[in-house]
């Protein structure tokens, strides 16, 4: 019952709430009255404000690093292409040719 309730949470809502510092697990446990079904020690652990963001942090940071590496590679590639095209554009302007 608890797993089904938690799995029905949309992933985007969970990530956005974690970024805002809100623990969606606390809201689900409260709204669905799941407190009696979960042991007190487990309930205390999953309702802490740092638990849910901590669960997502490692995967999120791993993905964020990949995004920055790809963005850096794309920027570097664009700069190289621009640098290689620049002499062609300057030569065309000197000779009076138009760029197409």
C-alpha atoms as a PDB file:
ATOM      1  CA  UNK A   1       0.000   0.000   0.000  1.00  0.00           C
ATOM      2  CA  UNK A   2       2.738   2.469   0.934  1.00  0.00           C
ATOM      3  CA  UNK A   3       4.880   1.594  -2.089  1.00  0.00           C
ATOM      4  CA  UNK A   4       1.943   2.040  -4.467  1.00  0.00           C
ATOM      5  CA  UNK A   5       1.141   5.420  -2.962  1.00  0.00           C
ATOM      6  CA  UNK A   6       4.728   6.618  -3.222  1.00  0.00           C
ATOM      7  CA  UNK A   7       5.187   5.293  -6.748  1.00  0.00           C
ATOM      8  CA  UNK A   8       2.159   7.273  -7.937  1.00  0.00           C
ATOM      9  CA  UNK A   9       3.971  10.541  -7.204  1.00  0.00           C
ATOM     10  CA  UNK A  10       4.957  12.239 -10.496  1.00  0.00           C
ATOM     11  CA  UNK A  11       8.771  12.424 -10.799  1.00  0.00           C
ATOM     12  CA  UNK A  12       8.797  16.087 -11.810  1.00  0.00           C
ATOM     13  CA  UNK A  13       6.774  17.019  -8.733  1.00  0.00           C
ATOM     14  CA  UNK A  14       9.144  15.059  -6.515  1.00  0.00           C
ATOM     15  CA  UNK A  15      12.274  16.662  -7.956  1.00  0.00           C
ATOM     16  CA  UNK A  16      10.814  20.177  -7.908  1.00  0.00           C
ATOM     17  CA  UNK A  17       9.681  19.802  -4.319  1.00  0.00           C
ATOM     18  CA  UNK A  18      13.107  18.481  -3.330  1.00  0.00           C
ATOM     19  CA  UNK A  19      14.746  21.519  -4.936  1.00  0.00           C
ATOM     20  CA  UNK A  20      12.420  23.732  -2.902  1.00  0.00           C
ATOM     21  CA  UNK A  21      13.326  21.856   0.271  1.00  0.00           C
ATOM     22  CA  UNK A  22       9.917  20.241   0.681  1.00  0.00           C
ATOM     23  CA  UNK A  23       9.798  16.553   1.520  1.00  0.00           C
ATOM     24  CA  UNK A  24       6.982  15.060  -0.626  1.00  0.00           C
ATOM     25  CA  UNK A  25       7.090  11.862   1.434  1.00  0.00           C
ATOM     26  CA  UNK A  26       5.866  13.797   4.470  1.00  0.00           C
ATOM     27  CA  UNK A  27       2.956  15.189   2.468  1.00  0.00           C
ATOM     28  CA  UNK A  28       1.994  11.755   1.128  1.00  0.00           C
ATOM     29  CA  UNK A  29       2.194  10.123   4.543  1.00  0.00           C
ATOM     30  CA  UNK A  30       0.049  12.898   6.004  1.00  0.00           C
ATOM     31  CA  UNK A  31      -2.546  13.000   3.217  1.00  0.00           C
ATOM     32  CA  UNK A  32      -2.993   9.242   2.935  1.00  0.00           C
ATOM     33  CA  UNK A  33      -2.845   8.608   6.705  1.00  0.00           C
ATOM     34  CA  UNK A  34      -0.049   6.085   6.282  1.00  0.00           C
ATOM     35  CA  UNK A  35       1.605   6.874   9.616  1.00  0.00           C
ATOM     36  CA  UNK A  36       0.210   3.841  11.485  1.00  0.00           C
ATOM     37  CA  UNK A  37       1.373   1.461   8.720  1.00  0.00           C
ATOM     38  CA  UNK A  38       5.028   2.543   8.939  1.00  0.00           C
ATOM     39  CA  UNK A  39       7.329   1.846  11.887  1.00  0.00           C
ATOM     40  CA  UNK A  40       8.094   4.915  14.026  1.00  0.00           C
ATOM     41  CA  UNK A  41      11.836   4.797  13.325  1.00  0.00           C
ATOM     42  CA  UNK A  42      11.279   4.546   9.555  1.00  0.00           C
ATOM     43  CA  UNK A  43       8.677   7.303   9.700  1.00  0.00           C
ATOM     44  CA  UNK A  44      11.093   9.554  11.599  1.00  0.00           C
ATOM     45  CA  UNK A  45      13.796   8.898   9.008  1.00  0.00           C
ATOM     46  CA  UNK A  46      11.741   9.505   5.859  1.00  0.00           C
ATOM     47  CA  UNK A  47       9.968  12.590   7.182  1.00  0.00           C
ATOM     48  CA  UNK A  48      13.179  14.500   7.951  1.00  0.00           C
ATOM     49  CA  UNK A  49      13.635  17.501   5.682  1.00  0.00           C
ATOM     50  CA  UNK A  50      17.031  16.274   4.484  1.00  0.00           C
ATOM     51  CA  UNK A  51      16.097  12.681   3.672  1.00  0.00           C
ATOM     52  CA  UNK A  52      14.360  13.073   0.287  1.00  0.00           C
ATOM     53  CA  UNK A  53      16.796  15.636  -1.189  1.00  0.00           C
ATOM     54  CA  UNK A  54      19.640  13.435   0.049  1.00  0.00           C
ATOM     55  CA  UNK A  55      18.207  10.461  -1.822  1.00  0.00           C
ATOM     56  CA  UNK A  56      18.122  12.439  -5.079  1.00  0.00           C
ATOM     57  CA  UNK A  57      21.361  14.379  -4.644  1.00  0.00           C
ATOM     58  CA  UNK A  58      23.831  11.803  -5.931  1.00  0.00           C
ATOM     59  CA  UNK A  59      21.892  10.979  -9.101  1.00  0.00           C
ATOM     60  CA  UNK A  60      21.071  14.634  -9.722  1.00  0.00           C
ATOM     61  CA  UNK A  61      24.675  15.774  -9.354  1.00  0.00           C
ATOM     62  CA  UNK A  62      25.899  12.969 -11.609  1.00  0.00           C
ATOM     63  CA  UNK A  63      23.459  14.066 -14.324  1.00  0.00           C
ATOM     64  CA  UNK A  64      24.259  17.729 -13.820  1.00  0.00           C
ATOM     65  CA  UNK A  65      27.977  17.055 -14.295  1.00  0.00           C
ATOM     66  CA  UNK A  66      27.234  15.260 -17.574  1.00  0.00           C
ATOM     67  CA  UNK A  67      25.162  18.208 -18.781  1.00  0.00           C
ATOM     68  CA  UNK A  68      27.988  20.638 -18.018  1.00  0.00           C
ATOM     69  CA  UNK A  69      30.546  18.433 -19.806  1.00  0.00           C
ATOM     70  CA  UNK A  70      28.335  18.208 -22.893  1.00  0.00           C
ATOM     71  CA  UNK A  71      27.699  21.972 -22.831  1.00  0.00           C
ATOM     72  CA  UNK A  72      31.439  22.616 -22.536  1.00  0.00           C
ATOM     73  CA  UNK A  73      32.170  20.272 -25.454  1.00  0.00           C
ATOM     74  CA  UNK A  74      29.523  21.951 -27.615  1.00  0.00           C
ATOM     75  CA  UNK A  75      30.880  25.402 -26.771  1.00  0.00           C
ATOM     76  CA  UNK A  76      34.429  24.316 -27.536  1.00  0.00           C
ATOM     77  CA  UNK A  77      33.341  22.741 -30.828  1.00  0.00           C
ATOM     78  CA  UNK A  78      31.488  25.924 -31.791  1.00  0.00           C
ATOM     79  CA  UNK A  79      34.510  28.065 -30.944  1.00  0.00           C
ATOM     80  CA  UNK A  80      36.799  25.864 -33.055  1.00  0.00           C
ATOM     81  CA  UNK A  81      34.418  25.985 -36.012  1.00  0.00           C
ATOM     82  CA  UNK A  82      34.116  29.762 -35.678  1.00  0.00           C
ATOM     83  CA  UNK A  83      37.896  30.122 -35.496  1.00  0.00           C
ATOM     84  CA  UNK A  84      38.379  27.969 -38.614  1.00  0.00           C
ATOM     85  CA  UNK A  85      35.727  29.885 -40.561  1.00  0.00           C
ATOM     86  CA  UNK A  86      37.029  33.347 -39.659  1.00  0.00           C
ATOM     87  CA  UNK A  87      39.942  33.428 -42.174  1.00  0.00           C
ATOM     88  CA  UNK A  88      37.555  32.409 -44.965  1.00  0.00           C
ATOM     89  CA  UNK A  89      35.171  35.235 -44.097  1.00  0.00           C
ATOM     90  CA  UNK A  90      38.003  37.800 -43.943  1.00  0.00           C
ATOM     91  CA  UNK A  91      39.390  36.678 -47.336  1.00  0.00           C
ATOM     92  CA  UNK A  92      35.952  36.951 -48.929  1.00  0.00           C
ATOM     93  CA  UNK A  93      35.527  40.527 -47.637  1.00  0.00           C
ATOM     94  CA  UNK A  94      38.966  41.570 -48.958  1.00  0.00           C
ATOM     95  CA  UNK A  95      38.289  40.142 -52.424  1.00  0.00           C
ATOM     96  CA  UNK A  96      34.818  41.665 -52.551  1.00  0.00           C
ATOM     97  CA  UNK A  97      32.971  38.335 -52.624  1.00  0.00           C
ATOM     98  CA  UNK A  98      29.678  38.038 -50.780  1.00  0.00           C
ATOM     99  CA  UNK A  99      29.099  35.341 -48.182  1.00  0.00           C
ATOM    100  CA  UNK A 100      26.437  32.729 -48.758  1.00  0.00           C
END
